[in-house]
Amino acid sequence: MSEKRVKGTDKQKQRAYLVSSSVNIILAPVKLAAGILGRSSSLIADSINSLGDVLANAVVYLFLKISAKPRDENHAYGHGKFETLAALLIGLTMLIAAIMIVVQSITTLGDFFESGTLPPEPKYVALIVALITLVTKSVAYWYTRIQGQETASEALAAQAEDHRMDIYSAFAVSASILCAKFFGGNALLTEPIATIIVAGFIAKTAIDIIRSSIYPLTDASVPDEVVQEIKELVSQVPGIYDPHNFRTRMIGSDTMAIEMDIRTHGSTSLYDAHELTIRAERLIRDRFGDDTHISIHVEPLRGE
């Protein structure tokens, strides 16, 4: 991957993240105001989720800027893991928001069972904003997902999942407001119940994002099938035998670090052995990108 391409991809990530995040910046205060004026507890809870997203988006964008920085004396492998850390922050924010939503909804249900107090009937302004949120989040999800796939960005992929969960939330909020508005009575409890269900989906996605972020942050190895592909590539070089002792890890959303041992004839000169490693590195970088970090240790064939 050329330096120009890398810089272009980084700019695309940052631009896409700004566009995607602007949805939360606009919707958060609108949903909060509509929830208060429209007397909708589910919409207020949903606005809390969006407010948390706004704070996380600001931090994540900063980390995307940092991850685009070139290698320096303190970060010999580059700054790619800052993007992974950004995805982790999104997951944690989603999980905290889910917990807050559940607590608020359980409180509402508790009031009903203790004193028979029902939530107030929501107004049409809450329904209108909930439906607008549903449409807006759907567009934001597809845009962010496509941009995340094109740039192989963990942060954008996490942001797309956040938008997807917000679609479910907006749908549940819209449905519960409709039910409460047109049926009344105990049907008013559909708002807190629907909100708890949606919070469960949000929490599950948050945990998935956190788990997938922790693996690269703790230097987990890449999948076995990727290691096998690397082994097959290196084995194509005549004169290289028995690639083994692989040590791999991700140092960003699309950058890999690879260490391995290879064997060659003991009579091979230092110059020729070096050429063999150069050819192997070229094959790996052609497949996994020019920024791939590769370290190859050469050993003599056994018995020589």
C-alpha atoms as a PDB file:
ATOM      1  CA  MET A   1       0.000   0.000   0.000  1.00  0.00           C
ATOM      2  CA  SER A   2       1.548   3.308  -1.095  1.00  0.00           C
ATOM      3  CA  GLU A   3       2.048   6.244   1.263  1.00  0.00           C
ATOM      4  CA  LYS A   4      -0.385   8.283  -0.840  1.00  0.00           C
ATOM      5  CA  ARG A   5      -2.971   5.524  -0.562  1.00  0.00           C
ATOM      6  CA  VAL A   6      -2.484   5.254   3.205  1.00  0.00           C
ATOM      7  CA  LYS A   7      -2.943   8.990   3.691  1.00  0.00           C
ATOM      8  CA  GLY A   8      -6.002   8.953   1.419  1.00  0.00           C
ATOM      9  CA  THR A   9      -7.527   6.099   3.402  1.00  0.00           C
ATOM     10  CA  ASP A  10      -6.870   7.877   6.695  1.00  0.00           C
ATOM     11  CA  LYS A  11      -8.571  11.019   5.403  1.00  0.00           C
ATOM     12  CA  GLN A  12     -11.513   8.950   4.178  1.00  0.00           C
ATOM     13  CA  LYS A  13     -11.842   7.353   7.630  1.00  0.00           C
ATOM     14  CA  GLN A  14     -11.801  10.718   9.356  1.00  0.00           C
ATOM     15  CA  ARG A  15     -14.254  12.302   6.902  1.00  0.00           C
ATOM     16  CA  ALA A  16     -16.645   9.334   7.135  1.00  0.00           C
ATOM     17  CA  TYR A  17     -16.470   9.371  10.913  1.00  0.00           C
ATOM     18  CA  LEU A  18     -17.274  13.090  11.020  1.00  0.00           C
ATOM     19  CA  VAL A  19     -20.302  12.610   8.756  1.00  0.00           C
ATOM     20  CA  SER A  20     -21.470   9.597  10.755  1.00  0.00           C
ATOM     21  CA  SER A  21     -20.953  11.328  14.099  1.00  0.00           C
ATOM     22  CA  SER A  22     -22.829  14.458  13.022  1.00  0.00           C
ATOM     23  CA  VAL A  23     -26.014  12.368  13.070  1.00  0.00           C
ATOM     24  CA  ASN A  24     -25.642  11.825  16.823  1.00  0.00           C
ATOM     25  CA  ILE A  25     -24.694  15.459  17.417  1.00  0.00           C
ATOM     26  CA  ILE A  26     -27.908  16.625  15.757  1.00  0.00           C
ATOM     27  CA  LEU A  27     -30.257  13.941  17.059  1.00  0.00           C
ATOM     28  CA  ALA A  28     -29.186  13.873  20.713  1.00  0.00           C
ATOM     29  CA  PRO A  29     -30.568  17.303  21.774  1.00  0.00           C
ATOM     30  CA  VAL A  30     -33.563  16.968  19.462  1.00  0.00           C
ATOM     31  CA  LYS A  31     -34.574  13.620  21.009  1.00  0.00           C
ATOM     32  CA  LEU A  32     -34.018  14.923  24.527  1.00  0.00           C
ATOM     33  CA  ALA A  33     -36.195  17.969  23.921  1.00  0.00           C
ATOM     34  CA  ALA A  34     -38.881  15.941  22.153  1.00  0.00           C
ATOM     35  CA  GLY A  35     -38.813  13.323  24.907  1.00  0.00           C
ATOM     36  CA  ILE A  36     -39.328  15.919  27.618  1.00  0.00           C
ATOM     37  CA  LEU A  37     -41.967  17.920  25.722  1.00  0.00           C
ATOM     38  CA  GLY A  38     -43.615  14.763  24.392  1.00  0.00           C
ATOM     39  CA  ARG A  39     -43.584  13.019  27.804  1.00  0.00           C
ATOM     40  CA  SER A  40     -41.859   9.915  26.411  1.00  0.00           C
ATOM     41  CA  SER A  41     -39.554   8.070  28.813  1.00  0.00           C
ATOM     42  CA  SER A  42     -38.292   5.761  26.062  1.00  0.00           C
ATOM     43  CA  LEU A  43     -37.290   8.683  23.851  1.00  0.00           C
ATOM     44  CA  ILE A  44     -35.524  10.378  26.765  1.00  0.00           C
ATOM     45  CA  ALA A  45     -33.637   7.131  27.439  1.00  0.00           C
ATOM     46  CA  ASP A  46     -32.731   6.927  23.762  1.00  0.00           C
ATOM     47  CA  SER A  47     -31.414  10.490  23.880  1.00  0.00           C
ATOM     48  CA  ILE A  48     -29.132   9.508  26.779  1.00  0.00           C
ATOM     49  CA  ASN A  49     -27.691   6.826  24.527  1.00  0.00           C
ATOM     50  CA  SER A  50     -27.075   9.424  21.808  1.00  0.00           C
ATOM     51  CA  LEU A  51     -25.501  11.895  24.247  1.00  0.00           C
ATOM     52  CA  GLY A  52     -23.082   9.168  25.288  1.00  0.00           C
ATOM     53  CA  ASP A  53     -22.353   8.531  21.629  1.00  0.00           C
ATOM     54  CA  VAL A  54     -21.515  12.196  21.097  1.00  0.00           C
ATOM     55  CA  LEU A  55     -18.916  12.127  23.861  1.00  0.00           C
ATOM     56  CA  ALA A  56     -17.443   8.864  22.553  1.00  0.00           C
ATOM     57  CA  ASN A  57     -17.405  10.205  18.984  1.00  0.00           C
ATOM     58  CA  ALA A  58     -15.268  13.164  20.022  1.00  0.00           C
ATOM     59  CA  VAL A  59     -12.707  10.897  21.678  1.00  0.00           C
ATOM     60  CA  VAL A  60     -12.742   8.386  18.801  1.00  0.00           C
ATOM     61  CA  TYR A  61     -12.178  11.093  16.185  1.00  0.00           C
ATOM     62  CA  LEU A  62      -9.163  12.293  18.139  1.00  0.00           C
ATOM     63  CA  PHE A  63      -7.835   8.727  18.237  1.00  0.00           C
ATOM     64  CA  LEU A  64      -8.367   8.346  14.479  1.00  0.00           C
ATOM     65  CA  LYS A  65      -6.221  11.444  13.971  1.00  0.00           C
ATOM     66  CA  ILE A  66      -3.543   9.919  16.188  1.00  0.00           C
ATOM     67  CA  SER A  67      -3.686   6.513  14.462  1.00  0.00           C
ATOM     68  CA  ALA A  68      -2.980   8.205  11.110  1.00  0.00           C
ATOM     69  CA  LYS A  69       0.338   9.585  12.362  1.00  0.00           C
ATOM     70  CA  PRO A  70       3.488   7.947  10.938  1.00  0.00           C
ATOM     71  CA  ARG A  71       5.936   5.945  13.015  1.00  0.00           C
ATOM     72  CA  ASP A  72       8.106   7.864  15.452  1.00  0.00           C
ATOM     73  CA  GLU A  73      10.736   7.159  18.115  1.00  0.00           C
ATOM     74  CA  ASN A  74       8.156   6.229  20.719  1.00  0.00           C
ATOM     75  CA  HIS A  75       5.937   4.162  18.386  1.00  0.00           C
ATOM     76  CA  ALA A  76       8.187   2.118  16.102  1.00  0.00           C
ATOM     77  CA  TYR A  77       5.192   0.098  14.884  1.00  0.00           C
ATOM     78  CA  GLY A  78       3.067   3.160  14.194  1.00  0.00           C
ATOM     79  CA  HIS A  79      -0.087   4.362  15.967  1.00  0.00           C
ATOM     80  CA  GLY A  80      -2.606   1.883  14.541  1.00  0.00           C
ATOM     81  CA  LYS A  81      -3.733   0.536  17.905  1.00  0.00           C
ATOM     82  CA  PHE A  82      -5.230   3.890  18.792  1.00  0.00           C
ATOM     83  CA  GLU A  83      -7.996   3.066  16.307  1.00  0.00           C
ATOM     84  CA  THR A  84      -8.576  -0.265  18.052  1.00  0.00           C
ATOM     85  CA  LEU A  85      -8.719   1.589  21.354  1.00  0.00           C
ATOM     86  CA  ALA A  86     -11.317   3.903  19.803  1.00  0.00           C
ATOM     87  CA  ALA A  87     -13.503   0.910  18.941  1.00  0.00           C
ATOM     88  CA  LEU A  88     -13.150  -0.284  22.540  1.00  0.00           C
ATOM     89  CA  LEU A  89     -14.362   3.115  23.796  1.00  0.00           C
ATOM     90  CA  ILE A  90     -17.448   2.898  21.575  1.00  0.00           C
ATOM     91  CA  GLY A  91     -18.238  -0.536  22.998  1.00  0.00           C
ATOM     92  CA  LEU A  92     -17.825   0.663  26.585  1.00  0.00           C
ATOM     93  CA  THR A  93     -20.006   3.717  25.919  1.00  0.00           C
ATOM     94  CA  MET A  94     -22.742   1.526  24.431  1.00  0.00           C
ATOM     95  CA  LEU A  95     -22.611  -0.808  27.436  1.00  0.00           C
ATOM     96  CA  ILE A  96     -22.862   2.065  29.939  1.00  0.00           C
ATOM     97  CA  ALA A  97     -25.775   3.567  27.991  1.00  0.00           C
ATOM     98  CA  ALA A  98     -27.577   0.194  27.985  1.00  0.00           C
ATOM     99  CA  ILE A  99     -27.203  -0.092  31.767  1.00  0.00           C
ATOM    100  CA  MET A 100     -28.506   3.452  32.291  1.00  0.00           C
ATOM    101  CA  ILE A 101     -31.516   2.777  30.065  1.00  0.00           C
ATOM    102  CA  VAL A 102     -32.368  -0.442  31.923  1.00  0.00           C
ATOM    103  CA  VAL A 103     -32.126   1.272  35.323  1.00  0.00           C
ATOM    104  CA  GLN A 104     -34.431   4.078  34.194  1.00  0.00           C
ATOM    105  CA  SER A 105     -36.985   1.640  32.740  1.00  0.00           C
ATOM    106  CA  ILE A 106     -36.970  -0.626  35.797  1.00  0.00           C
ATOM    107  CA  THR A 107     -37.609   2.432  37.958  1.00  0.00           C
ATOM    108  CA  THR A 108     -40.672   3.270  35.858  1.00  0.00           C
ATOM    109  CA  LEU A 109     -42.002  -0.292  36.114  1.00  0.00           C
ATOM    110  CA  GLY A 110     -41.275  -0.322  39.855  1.00  0.00           C
ATOM    111  CA  ASP A 111     -43.411   2.776  40.339  1.00  0.00           C
ATOM    112  CA  PHE A 112     -46.317   0.989  38.660  1.00  0.00           C
ATOM    113  CA  PHE A 113     -46.101  -2.180  40.745  1.00  0.00           C
ATOM    114  CA  GLU A 114     -45.611  -0.271  43.995  1.00  0.00           C
ATOM    115  CA  SER A 115     -48.219   2.453  43.614  1.00  0.00           C
ATOM    116  CA  GLY A 116     -50.021   1.749  40.352  1.00  0.00           C
ATOM    117  CA  THR A 117     -48.496   4.846  38.795  1.00  0.00           C
ATOM    118  CA  LEU A 118     -48.520   4.653  35.013  1.00  0.00           C
ATOM    119  CA  PRO A 119     -46.167   6.584  32.757  1.00  0.00           C
ATOM    120  CA  PRO A 120     -47.754   9.657  31.140  1.00  0.00           C
ATOM    121  CA  GLU A 121     -49.269   9.322  27.691  1.00  0.00           C
ATOM    122  CA  PRO A 122     -46.699  10.449  25.106  1.00  0.00           C
ATOM    123  CA  LYS A 123     -47.484  13.231  22.651  1.00  0.00           C
ATOM    124  CA  TYR A 124     -47.242  13.202  18.884  1.00  0.00           C
ATOM    125  CA  VAL A 125     -44.013  15.232  18.862  1.00  0.00           C
ATOM    126  CA  ALA A 126     -42.259  12.266  20.482  1.00  0.00           C
ATOM    127  CA  LEU A 127     -43.616   9.901  17.827  1.00  0.00           C
ATOM    128  CA  ILE A 128     -42.559  12.190  14.964  1.00  0.00           C
ATOM    129  CA  VAL A 129     -39.005  12.537  16.276  1.00  0.00           C
ATOM    130  CA  ALA A 130     -38.772   8.790  16.909  1.00  0.00           C
ATOM    131  CA  LEU A 131     -39.765   8.075  13.295  1.00  0.00           C
ATOM    132  CA  ILE A 132     -37.301  10.677  11.986  1.00  0.00           C
ATOM    133  CA  THR A 133     -34.612   9.016  14.105  1.00  0.00           C
ATOM    134  CA  LEU A 134     -35.485   5.627  12.610  1.00  0.00           C
ATOM    135  CA  VAL A 135     -35.030   6.879   9.049  1.00  0.00           C
ATOM    136  CA  THR A 136     -31.924   8.942   9.787  1.00  0.00           C
ATOM    137  CA  LYS A 137     -30.176   6.105  11.640  1.00  0.00           C
ATOM    138  CA  SER A 138     -30.925   3.685   8.811  1.00  0.00           C
ATOM    139  CA  VAL A 139     -29.181   5.967   6.308  1.00  0.00           C
ATOM    140  CA  ALA A 140     -26.282   6.549   8.722  1.00  0.00           C
ATOM    141  CA  TYR A 141     -25.853   2.797   9.258  1.00  0.00           C
ATOM    142  CA  TRP A 142     -25.511   1.927   5.576  1.00  0.00           C
ATOM    143  CA  TYR A 143     -23.211   4.868   4.879  1.00  0.00           C
ATOM    144  CA  THR A 144     -20.923   4.053   7.815  1.00  0.00           C
ATOM    145  CA  ARG A 145     -20.912   0.334   7.065  1.00  0.00           C
ATOM    146  CA  ILE A 146     -19.869   0.889   3.443  1.00  0.00           C
ATOM    147  CA  GLN A 147     -17.142   3.343   4.446  1.00  0.00           C
ATOM    148  CA  GLY A 148     -15.912   0.953   7.131  1.00  0.00           C
ATOM    149  CA  GLN A 149     -15.618  -1.886   4.611  1.00  0.00           C
ATOM    150  CA  GLU A 150     -13.813   0.289   2.076  1.00  0.00           C
ATOM    151  CA  THR A 151     -11.239   1.517   4.614  1.00  0.00           C
ATOM    152  CA  ALA A 152     -11.025  -1.637   6.783  1.00  0.00           C
ATOM    153  CA  SER A 153     -11.625   0.620   9.793  1.00  0.00           C
ATOM    154  CA  GLU A 154     -12.408  -0.983  13.162  1.00  0.00           C
ATOM    155  CA  ALA A 155     -13.698   2.328  14.495  1.00  0.00           C
ATOM    156  CA  LEU A 156     -16.120   2.811  11.588  1.00  0.00           C
ATOM    157  CA  ALA A 157     -17.246  -0.814  11.838  1.00  0.00           C
ATOM    158  CA  ALA A 158     -17.984  -0.268  15.526  1.00  0.00           C
ATOM    159  CA  GLN A 159     -19.770   2.985  14.711  1.00  0.00           C
ATOM    160  CA  ALA A 160     -21.906   1.180  12.116  1.00  0.00           C
ATOM    161  CA  GLU A 161     -22.894  -1.425  14.724  1.00  0.00           C
ATOM    162  CA  ASP A 162     -23.815   1.385  17.093  1.00  0.00           C
ATOM    163  CA  HIS A 163     -26.060   2.902  14.400  1.00  0.00           C
ATOM    164  CA  ARG A 164     -27.616  -0.539  13.776  1.00  0.00           C
ATOM    165  CA  MET A 165     -28.513  -0.897  17.445  1.00  0.00           C
ATOM    166  CA  ASP A 166     -29.927   2.621  17.361  1.00  0.00           C
ATOM    167  CA  ILE A 167     -32.212   1.525  14.514  1.00  0.00           C
ATOM    168  CA  TYR A 168     -33.648  -1.225  16.725  1.00  0.00           C
ATOM    169  CA  SER A 169     -33.966   1.257  19.559  1.00  0.00           C
ATOM    170  CA  ALA A 170     -35.749   3.822  17.384  1.00  0.00           C
ATOM    171  CA  PHE A 171     -38.097   1.131  16.070  1.00  0.00           C
ATOM    172  CA  ALA A 172     -38.943  -0.031  19.584  1.00  0.00           C
ATOM    173  CA  VAL A 173     -39.445   3.544  20.770  1.00  0.00           C
ATOM    174  CA  SER A 174     -41.714   4.313  17.796  1.00  0.00           C
ATOM    175  CA  ALA A 175     -43.745   1.123  18.291  1.00  0.00           C
ATOM    176  CA  SER A 176     -44.103   1.654  22.049  1.00  0.00           C
ATOM    177  CA  ILE A 177     -45.200   5.274  21.613  1.00  0.00           C
ATOM    178  CA  LEU A 178     -47.772   4.217  19.008  1.00  0.00           C
ATOM    179  CA  CYS A 179     -49.080   1.498  21.329  1.00  0.00           C
ATOM    180  CA  ALA A 180     -49.215   3.812  24.340  1.00  0.00           C
ATOM    181  CA  LYS A 181     -50.782   6.623  22.322  1.00  0.00           C
ATOM    182  CA  PHE A 182     -53.612   4.652  20.767  1.00  0.00           C
ATOM    183  CA  PHE A 183     -54.399   2.047  23.477  1.00  0.00           C
ATOM    184  CA  GLY A 184     -53.660   3.909  26.714  1.00  0.00           C
ATOM    185  CA  GLY A 185     -54.096   2.338  30.153  1.00  0.00           C
ATOM    186  CA  ASN A 186     -51.644  -0.439  30.935  1.00  0.00           C
ATOM    187  CA  ALA A 187     -50.413  -0.203  27.342  1.00  0.00           C
ATOM    188  CA  LEU A 188     -48.431   2.793  28.566  1.00  0.00           C
ATOM    189  CA  LEU A 189     -46.044   0.253  30.108  1.00  0.00           C
ATOM    190  CA  THR A 190     -44.944  -0.847  26.631  1.00  0.00           C
ATOM    191  CA  GLU A 191     -42.484   2.050  26.575  1.00  0.00           C
ATOM    192  CA  PRO A 192     -40.288   0.929  29.478  1.00  0.00           C
ATOM    193  CA  ILE A 193     -40.657  -2.746  28.531  1.00  0.00           C
ATOM    194  CA  ALA A 194     -39.612  -2.123  24.913  1.00  0.00           C
ATOM    195  CA  THR A 195     -36.715   0.004  26.107  1.00  0.00           C
ATOM    196  CA  ILE A 196     -35.366  -2.804  28.308  1.00  0.00           C
ATOM    197  CA  ILE A 197     -35.496  -5.246  25.387  1.00  0.00           C
ATOM    198  CA  VAL A 198     -33.632  -2.829  23.137  1.00  0.00           C
ATOM    199  CA  ALA A 199     -31.054  -2.192  25.860  1.00  0.00           C
ATOM    200  CA  GLY A 200     -30.356  -5.927  25.832  1.00  0.00           C
ATOM    201  CA  PHE A 201     -29.519  -5.799  22.116  1.00  0.00           C
ATOM    202  CA  ILE A 202     -27.306  -2.762  22.684  1.00  0.00           C
ATOM    203  CA  ALA A 203     -25.466  -4.500  25.518  1.00  0.00           C
ATOM    204  CA  LYS A 204     -24.842  -7.632  23.428  1.00  0.00           C
ATOM    205  CA  THR A 205     -23.377  -5.624  20.559  1.00  0.00           C
ATOM    206  CA  ALA A 206     -21.292  -3.595  23.000  1.00  0.00           C
ATOM    207  CA  ILE A 207     -19.823  -6.761  24.505  1.00  0.00           C
ATOM    208  CA  ASP A 208     -19.017  -8.109  21.014  1.00  0.00           C
ATOM    209  CA  ILE A 209     -17.197  -4.871  20.122  1.00  0.00           C
ATOM    210  CA  ILE A 210     -15.303  -4.873  23.415  1.00  0.00           C
ATOM    211  CA  ARG A 211     -14.258  -8.494  22.949  1.00  0.00           C
ATOM    212  CA  SER A 212     -13.071  -7.964  19.363  1.00  0.00           C
ATOM    213  CA  SER A 213     -11.105  -4.879  20.450  1.00  0.00           C
ATOM    214  CA  ILE A 214      -9.423  -6.553  23.409  1.00  0.00           C
ATOM    215  CA  TYR A 215      -7.887  -9.280  21.210  1.00  0.00           C
ATOM    216  CA  PRO A 216      -5.595  -6.981  19.181  1.00  0.00           C
ATOM    217  CA  LEU A 217      -4.914  -4.740  22.173  1.00  0.00           C
ATOM    218  CA  THR A 218      -3.583  -7.769  24.055  1.00  0.00           C
ATOM    219  CA  ASP A 219      -1.496  -8.915  21.056  1.00  0.00           C
ATOM    220  CA  ALA A 220      -3.661 -11.936  20.253  1.00  0.00           C
ATOM    221  CA  SER A 221      -2.455 -13.954  17.255  1.00  0.00           C
ATOM    222  CA  VAL A 222      -4.214 -13.658  13.904  1.00  0.00           C
ATOM    223  CA  PRO A 223      -6.514 -16.566  12.895  1.00  0.00           C
ATOM    224  CA  ASP A 224      -4.913 -19.898  11.992  1.00  0.00           C
ATOM    225  CA  GLU A 225      -6.093 -19.674   8.392  1.00  0.00           C
ATOM    226  CA  VAL A 226      -4.161 -16.418   7.950  1.00  0.00           C
ATOM    227  CA  VAL A 227      -1.004 -18.014   9.377  1.00  0.00           C
ATOM    228  CA  GLN A 228      -1.477 -20.951   7.011  1.00  0.00           C
ATOM    229  CA  GLU A 229      -1.789 -18.553   4.071  1.00  0.00           C
ATOM    230  CA  ILE A 230       1.455 -16.821   5.090  1.00  0.00           C
ATOM    231  CA  LYS A 231       3.178 -20.211   5.353  1.00  0.00           C
ATOM    232  CA  GLU A 232       2.021 -21.179   1.853  1.00  0.00           C
ATOM    233  CA  LEU A 233       3.213 -17.854   0.410  1.00  0.00           C
ATOM    234  CA  VAL A 234       6.684 -18.185   1.931  1.00  0.00           C
ATOM    235  CA  SER A 235       6.964 -21.818   0.834  1.00  0.00           C
ATOM    236  CA  GLN A 236       6.618 -20.686  -2.794  1.00  0.00           C
ATOM    237  CA  VAL A 237      10.130 -19.208  -2.688  1.00  0.00           C
ATOM    238  CA  PRO A 238      12.656 -21.786  -4.020  1.00  0.00           C
ATOM    239  CA  GLY A 239      15.332 -22.405  -1.406  1.00  0.00           C
ATOM    240  CA  ILE A 240      13.070 -21.735   1.600  1.00  0.00           C
ATOM    241  CA  TYR A 241      12.009 -24.760   3.624  1.00  0.00           C
ATOM    242  CA  ASP A 242       9.836 -25.401   6.648  1.00  0.00           C
ATOM    243  CA  PRO A 243       8.499 -21.950   7.663  1.00  0.00           C
ATOM    244  CA  HIS A 244       7.715 -22.335  11.375  1.00  0.00           C
ATOM    245  CA  ASN A 245       7.570 -20.721  14.807  1.00  0.00           C
ATOM    246  CA  PHE A 246       5.107 -18.045  13.652  1.00  0.00           C
ATOM    247  CA  ARG A 247       4.366 -15.087  15.943  1.00  0.00           C
ATOM    248  CA  THR A 248       1.692 -12.742  14.653  1.00  0.00           C
ATOM    249  CA  ARG A 249      -0.403  -9.848  15.909  1.00  0.00           C
ATOM    250  CA  MET A 250      -2.390  -6.906  14.600  1.00  0.00           C
ATOM    251  CA  ILE A 251      -0.992  -3.417  15.186  1.00  0.00           C
ATOM    252  CA  GLY A 252      -3.967  -1.582  13.719  1.00  0.00           C
ATOM    253  CA  SER A 253      -7.184  -2.334  11.893  1.00  0.00           C
ATOM    254  CA  ASP A 254      -5.340  -3.337   8.708  1.00  0.00           C
ATOM    255  CA  THR A 255      -1.667  -3.713   9.645  1.00  0.00           C
ATOM    256  CA  MET A 256      -0.079  -6.980  10.728  1.00  0.00           C
ATOM    257  CA  ALA A 257       3.223  -7.818  12.420  1.00  0.00           C
ATOM    258  CA  ILE A 258       4.750 -11.194  11.525  1.00  0.00           C
ATOM    259  CA  GLU A 259       7.761 -13.014  12.921  1.00  0.00           C
ATOM    260  CA  MET A 260       8.840 -16.441  11.682  1.00  0.00           C
ATOM    261  CA  ASP A 261      11.737 -18.855  11.303  1.00  0.00           C
ATOM    262  CA  ILE A 262      12.663 -20.450   7.980  1.00  0.00           C
ATOM    263  CA  ARG A 263      15.256 -23.043   6.976  1.00  0.00           C
ATOM    264  CA  THR A 264      17.604 -23.143   4.003  1.00  0.00           C
ATOM    265  CA  HIS A 265      20.723 -25.091   2.993  1.00  0.00           C
ATOM    266  CA  GLY A 266      23.642 -24.557   5.361  1.00  0.00           C
ATOM    267  CA  SER A 267      25.900 -23.836   2.390  1.00  0.00           C
ATOM    268  CA  THR A 268      23.777 -20.837   1.351  1.00  0.00           C
ATOM    269  CA  SER A 269      25.765 -17.615   1.526  1.00  0.00           C
ATOM    270  CA  LEU A 270      24.694 -14.752   3.747  1.00  0.00           C
ATOM    271  CA  TYR A 271      23.920 -12.692   0.642  1.00  0.00           C
ATOM    272  CA  ASP A 272      21.704 -15.421  -0.875  1.00  0.00           C
ATOM    273  CA  ALA A 273      19.950 -16.056   2.440  1.00  0.00           C
ATOM    274  CA  HIS A 274      19.169 -12.349   2.645  1.00  0.00           C
ATOM    275  CA  GLU A 275      17.762 -12.423  -0.902  1.00  0.00           C
ATOM    276  CA  LEU A 276      15.487 -15.316   0.058  1.00  0.00           C
ATOM    277  CA  THR A 277      14.010 -13.316   2.936  1.00  0.00           C
ATOM    278  CA  ILE A 278      13.536 -10.295   0.649  1.00  0.00           C
ATOM    279  CA  ARG A 279      11.560 -12.402  -1.821  1.00  0.00           C
ATOM    280  CA  ALA A 280       9.434 -13.860   0.980  1.00  0.00           C
ATOM    281  CA  GLU A 281       8.744 -10.398   2.393  1.00  0.00           C
ATOM    282  CA  ARG A 282       7.728  -9.129  -1.050  1.00  0.00           C
ATOM    283  CA  LEU A 283       5.137 -11.902  -1.429  1.00  0.00           C
ATOM    284  CA  ILE A 284       3.710 -11.203   2.029  1.00  0.00           C
ATOM    285  CA  ARG A 285       3.501  -7.438   1.485  1.00  0.00           C
ATOM    286  CA  ASP A 286       1.882  -7.907  -1.925  1.00  0.00           C
ATOM    287  CA  ARG A 287      -0.834  -9.886  -0.153  1.00  0.00           C
ATOM    288  CA  PHE A 288      -1.239  -8.050   3.166  1.00  0.00           C
ATOM    289  CA  GLY A 289      -0.034  -4.509   2.429  1.00  0.00           C
ATOM    290  CA  ASP A 290       3.220  -2.548   2.273  1.00  0.00           C
ATOM    291  CA  ASP A 291       2.963  -1.567   5.948  1.00  0.00           C
ATOM    292  CA  THR A 292       3.166  -5.188   7.129  1.00  0.00           C
ATOM    293  CA  HIS A 293       5.968  -5.605   9.667  1.00  0.00           C
ATOM    294  CA  ILE A 294       8.016  -8.746   8.933  1.00  0.00           C
ATOM    295  CA  SER A 295      10.920 -10.336  10.777  1.00  0.00           C
ATOM    296  CA  ILE A 296      12.434 -13.559   9.394  1.00  0.00           C
ATOM    297  CA  HIS A 297      15.083 -15.636  11.164  1.00  0.00           C
ATOM    298  CA  VAL A 298      17.078 -18.019   8.958  1.00  0.00           C
ATOM    299  CA  GLU A 299      18.189 -21.450  10.206  1.00  0.00           C
ATOM    300  CA  PRO A 300      20.201 -24.195   8.452  1.00  0.00           C
ATOM    301  CA  LEU A 301      18.348 -27.339   7.409  1.00  0.00           C
ATOM    302  CA  ARG A 302      18.577 -30.047  10.022  1.00  0.00           C
ATOM    303  CA  GLY A 303      21.409 -32.517   9.479  1.00  0.00           C
ATOM    304  CA  GLU A 304      23.555 -30.071   7.526  1.00  0.00           C
END
